[in-house]
Amino acid sequence: MCGRYSVYESMDHYLKELAPKQLVINGYDLWPVERYNVAPSTRVEIIPPAADGLSVDKVKWGWAPFWAKGKRPDPINARVETVMTGKFFNELWPNGRVLAPANGWFEWVKDPDDAKKKQPYFITLKEQIPMFFAGLAEVHQGLEPDNRDGFVIITAASDQGMVDIHDRKPLVLAPEHAREWIDPEISVERAKEIAIDHCRPVTDFHWYKVRKDVGNVRNQGPHLIQPLSLAEDVDD
């Protein structure tokens, strides 16, 4: 998976798709999130487990255990093949399960004639509904951000069809599996099963070229997810 994604509608939109009958137990802004170009190390909304309903927290994208801090940039992704058994994320697995709501993510494809040139693509669901990335997080409650806090998005191997865009993809869960993922009562074995067997298939997605403006982390706005062909028509 790449290092950028989009989450731009109001949190209410994602929460209703996730669990329309479930109570939201903490406050959140009703205005659209409008984060068309979420970059590593920035704080963004995630949905952690909550015993009495849904909860929303704003947490930094990227996390490392205390013994790895400062040695390299905090990882933003974790491979599903190793996240449950490796040393690096054992503080987060299994009780740190969270969801990162999104509308899509970006990947860059190298130009076959010039490796220095890359074309960004935006990948989203064909249904044009919210998606939910399975993730792991450390979150401490308090009025001020805690520098220990952060989250990573779990990734899986891309199946045939998306591998021409990238060989990894985020672990995207359908709402019914996403609800289970953040249920504090499910067993560790069921959480493993969801992670390994229930990533939405490539056939659920479509992707298209977008402007290279997304490469600059300071750029925001709906033009970043507009198909390149339409953007060129507007420019003309």
Protein backbone atom coordinates (compact mmCIF):
# COMPACT_ATOMS: atom_id res chain seq x y z
CA MET A 1 0.00 0.00 0.00
CA CYS A 2 1.04 3.55 -0.62
CA GLY A 3 1.37 6.33 1.90
CA ARG A 4 -1.70 8.43 1.08
CA TYR A 5 -5.46 8.06 1.34
CA SER A 6 -8.65 10.15 1.34
CA VAL A 7 -11.35 10.57 3.97
CA TYR A 8 -13.48 13.60 3.17
CA GLU A 9 -17.12 13.11 4.20
CA SER A 10 -18.55 13.73 7.67
CA MET A 11 -17.84 11.07 10.27
CA ASP A 12 -21.58 10.58 10.59
CA HIS A 13 -21.57 9.23 7.02
CA TYR A 14 -18.98 6.54 7.87
CA LEU A 15 -20.57 5.63 11.19
CA LYS A 16 -24.00 5.12 9.61
CA GLU A 17 -22.49 2.83 6.99
CA LEU A 18 -20.61 0.90 9.66
CA ALA A 19 -23.40 0.44 12.21
CA PRO A 20 -26.58 2.46 11.59
CA LYS A 21 -28.27 1.29 14.81
CA GLN A 22 -25.30 1.62 17.13
CA LEU A 23 -24.85 4.45 19.60
CA VAL A 24 -21.90 6.82 19.22
CA ILE A 25 -20.53 7.35 22.71
CA ASN A 26 -18.21 10.31 22.17
CA GLY A 27 -18.55 13.56 20.30
CA TYR A 28 -17.29 14.22 16.80
CA ASP A 29 -17.48 17.08 14.36
CA LEU A 30 -20.50 17.00 12.04
CA TRP A 31 -18.63 18.93 9.37
CA PRO A 32 -17.00 17.00 6.50
CA VAL A 33 -13.50 15.77 7.34
CA GLU A 34 -12.23 17.02 3.94
CA ARG A 35 -8.89 15.22 4.09
CA TYR A 36 -8.31 14.38 0.44
CA ASN A 37 -4.61 13.75 0.90
CA VAL A 38 -3.92 12.10 4.26
CA ALA A 39 -0.16 11.77 4.71
CA PRO A 40 1.93 9.85 7.25
CA SER A 41 2.49 11.48 10.66
CA THR A 42 -0.69 13.56 10.43
CA ARG A 43 -3.57 13.08 12.85
CA VAL A 44 -6.77 11.66 11.38
CA GLU A 45 -9.98 10.05 12.61
CA ILE A 46 -10.03 6.35 13.53
CA ILE A 47 -12.69 4.16 15.16
CA PRO A 48 -11.38 2.11 18.13
CA PRO A 49 -13.25 -0.61 20.05
CA ALA A 50 -15.77 0.58 22.63
CA ALA A 51 -17.84 -1.57 24.95
CA ASP A 52 -20.98 0.58 24.85
CA GLY A 53 -21.07 1.84 21.26
CA LEU A 54 -18.93 3.48 18.60
CA SER A 55 -16.10 5.85 19.46
CA VAL A 56 -14.02 8.23 17.34
CA ASP A 57 -10.48 9.41 18.08
CA LYS A 58 -8.03 11.53 16.15
CA VAL A 59 -4.64 9.80 16.10
CA LYS A 60 -1.33 10.14 14.25
CA TRP A 61 -0.86 7.86 11.24
CA GLY A 62 2.29 5.96 12.09
CA TRP A 63 3.42 4.02 15.14
CA ALA A 64 6.49 2.35 16.60
CA PRO A 65 7.16 0.64 19.96
CA PHE A 66 9.17 2.65 22.46
CA TRP A 67 12.36 0.69 21.74
CA ALA A 68 12.22 1.57 18.04
CA LYS A 69 11.39 5.27 18.36
CA GLY A 70 13.74 7.56 16.46
CA LYS A 71 15.57 4.79 14.59
CA ARG A 72 13.52 5.39 11.42
CA PRO A 73 10.19 7.00 10.51
CA ASP A 74 7.33 5.29 12.31
CA PRO A 75 5.81 2.58 10.07
CA ILE A 76 2.37 3.38 8.68
CA ASN A 77 1.52 -0.14 7.50
CA ALA A 78 1.75 -3.68 8.89
CA ARG A 79 1.73 -6.83 6.77
CA VAL A 80 -1.11 -9.21 7.62
CA GLU A 81 1.27 -12.15 7.10
CA THR A 82 3.47 -11.13 10.04
CA VAL A 83 1.60 -8.59 12.18
CA MET A 84 0.20 -11.25 14.52
CA THR A 85 3.47 -13.05 15.16
CA GLY A 86 6.25 -10.51 14.79
CA LYS A 87 7.89 -8.67 17.68
CA PHE A 88 7.37 -5.16 16.33
CA PHE A 89 3.58 -5.01 16.72
CA ASN A 90 3.06 -7.39 19.64
CA GLU A 91 2.06 -4.47 21.89
CA LEU A 92 -0.89 -3.77 19.59
CA TRP A 93 -2.06 -7.25 18.61
CA PRO A 94 -4.80 -8.25 19.28
CA ASN A 95 -6.29 -5.63 21.63
CA GLY A 96 -5.31 -2.60 19.58
CA ARG A 97 -7.66 -3.34 16.69
CA VAL A 98 -9.16 -0.20 15.09
CA LEU A 99 -10.75 0.94 11.84
CA ALA A 100 -9.60 3.79 9.63
CA PRO A 101 -12.58 5.05 7.58
CA ALA A 102 -11.74 6.13 4.04
CA ASN A 103 -13.10 6.84 0.59
CA GLY A 104 -10.07 5.53 -1.27
CA TRP A 105 -6.30 5.44 -1.44
CA PHE A 106 -3.54 6.41 -3.86
CA GLU A 107 -0.87 4.34 -5.56
CA TRP A 108 1.95 5.45 -7.86
CA VAL A 109 2.95 3.47 -10.96
CA LYS A 110 6.38 3.87 -12.55
CA ASP A 111 6.61 4.91 -16.18
CA PRO A 112 8.02 1.89 -18.08
CA ASP A 113 10.21 4.23 -20.13
CA ASP A 114 11.42 6.41 -17.26
CA ALA A 115 11.62 5.06 -13.70
CA LYS A 116 11.86 8.61 -12.34
CA LYS A 117 8.34 9.38 -13.55
CA LYS A 118 5.34 8.02 -11.65
CA GLN A 119 1.63 8.26 -12.37
CA PRO A 120 -0.71 8.39 -9.35
CA TYR A 121 -3.94 6.39 -9.33
CA PHE A 122 -6.92 6.69 -7.00
CA ILE A 123 -8.49 3.39 -5.91
CA THR A 124 -12.03 3.28 -4.55
CA LEU A 125 -14.99 0.93 -4.26
CA LYS A 126 -17.17 0.48 -7.32
CA GLU A 127 -20.20 0.99 -5.07
CA GLN A 128 -18.93 4.46 -4.13
CA ILE A 129 -19.55 3.78 -0.43
CA PRO A 130 -17.20 4.26 2.54
CA MET A 131 -14.48 1.71 3.08
CA PHE A 132 -12.93 0.61 6.36
CA PHE A 133 -9.23 -0.19 6.68
CA ALA A 134 -8.39 -2.71 9.39
CA GLY A 135 -5.69 -1.27 11.61
CA LEU A 136 -3.91 -1.42 14.94
CA ALA A 137 -3.41 1.51 17.28
CA GLU A 138 -2.16 2.74 20.62
CA VAL A 139 -4.56 5.33 22.00
CA HIS A 140 -4.44 7.03 25.41
CA GLN A 141 -7.44 9.03 26.50
CA GLY A 142 -6.81 12.61 27.50
CA LEU A 143 -7.34 16.23 26.56
CA GLU A 144 -3.98 16.51 24.81
CA PRO A 145 -2.39 14.19 22.21
CA ASP A 146 -0.01 11.62 23.67
CA ASN A 147 3.27 11.19 21.79
CA ARG A 148 3.02 7.43 22.26
CA ASP A 149 -0.20 7.28 20.27
CA GLY A 150 -0.39 6.22 16.65
CA PHE A 151 -1.93 3.71 14.28
CA VAL A 152 -0.96 1.51 11.34
CA ILE A 153 -3.06 0.14 8.50
CA ILE A 154 -2.84 -3.59 7.88
CA THR A 155 -2.03 -4.59 4.30
CA ALA A 156 -2.55 -7.76 2.29
CA ALA A 157 -1.15 -9.04 -0.99
CA SER A 158 -2.88 -7.69 -4.09
CA ASP A 159 -4.68 -10.33 -6.07
CA GLN A 160 -4.35 -10.69 -9.81
CA GLY A 161 -5.86 -7.58 -11.36
CA MET A 162 -4.55 -4.95 -8.96
CA VAL A 163 -0.94 -6.13 -8.94
CA ASP A 164 -0.22 -3.94 -11.97
CA ILE A 165 -0.96 -0.94 -9.72
CA HIS A 166 0.75 -2.24 -6.58
CA ASP A 167 1.59 -5.59 -5.01
CA ARG A 168 0.01 -4.64 -1.67
CA LYS A 169 -3.40 -3.26 -0.77
CA PRO A 170 -5.00 -2.14 2.50
CA LEU A 171 -7.03 -4.72 4.37
CA VAL A 172 -10.46 -3.32 3.47
CA LEU A 173 -13.38 -4.85 5.39
CA ALA A 174 -17.05 -4.86 4.49
CA PRO A 175 -19.21 -3.23 7.21
CA GLU A 176 -20.27 -6.53 8.80
CA HIS A 177 -16.66 -7.68 9.20
CA ALA A 178 -15.53 -4.18 10.20
CA ARG A 179 -18.05 -4.19 13.06
CA GLU A 180 -16.68 -7.52 14.26
CA TRP A 181 -13.10 -6.28 13.98
CA ILE A 182 -13.69 -3.60 16.62
CA ASP A 183 -15.94 -5.74 18.83
CA PRO A 184 -13.98 -6.11 22.09
CA GLU A 185 -15.78 -9.39 22.78
CA ILE A 186 -14.67 -11.37 19.72
CA SER A 187 -12.01 -14.03 20.15
CA VAL A 188 -8.45 -13.69 18.96
CA GLU A 189 -9.05 -16.58 16.58
CA ARG A 190 -12.00 -14.81 15.00
CA ALA A 191 -9.97 -11.61 14.63
CA LYS A 192 -7.27 -13.63 12.84
CA GLU A 193 -9.88 -15.19 10.59
CA ILE A 194 -11.29 -11.79 9.62
CA ALA A 195 -7.82 -10.44 8.82
CA ILE A 196 -6.75 -13.44 6.75
CA ASP A 197 -9.97 -14.38 4.97
CA HIS A 198 -12.21 -11.32 4.67
CA CYS A 199 -10.35 -8.59 2.83
CA ARG A 200 -12.64 -7.28 0.09
CA PRO A 201 -11.61 -8.75 -3.29
CA VAL A 202 -10.05 -6.82 -6.15
CA THR A 203 -13.28 -7.14 -8.14
CA ASP A 204 -14.95 -4.74 -5.64
CA PHE A 205 -12.62 -1.88 -6.63
CA HIS A 206 -11.86 0.34 -9.56
CA TRP A 207 -9.01 2.78 -10.13
CA TYR A 208 -8.11 5.62 -12.42
CA LYS A 209 -5.33 8.12 -13.07
CA VAL A 210 -5.34 11.40 -11.15
CA ARG A 211 -3.26 14.58 -11.15
CA LYS A 212 0.29 14.48 -9.82
CA ASP A 213 -0.67 17.28 -7.41
CA VAL A 214 -1.39 14.59 -4.82
CA GLY A 215 2.36 14.05 -4.52
CA ASN A 216 2.66 17.28 -2.52
CA VAL A 217 1.43 16.69 1.04
CA ARG A 218 0.30 20.31 1.30
CA ASN A 219 -2.23 19.91 -1.51
CA GLN A 220 -5.84 19.25 -0.54
CA GLY A 221 -9.20 19.43 -2.29
CA PRO A 222 -11.58 17.36 -4.41
CA HIS A 223 -9.54 17.94 -7.57
CA LEU A 224 -7.01 15.41 -6.21
CA ILE A 225 -9.47 12.53 -6.66
CA GLN A 226 -10.93 13.68 -9.96
CA PRO A 227 -10.13 11.38 -12.93
CA LEU A 228 -7.24 12.79 -14.93
CA SER A 229 -9.27 12.84 -18.16
CA LEU A 230 -11.88 15.11 -16.54
CA ALA A 231 -9.21 17.31 -14.95
CA GLU A 232 -7.59 17.80 -18.36
CA ASP A 233 -10.92 18.79 -19.87
CA VAL A 234 -11.38 21.42 -17.15
CA ASP A 235 -7.86 22.76 -17.71
CA ASP A 236 -8.50 23.03 -21.44
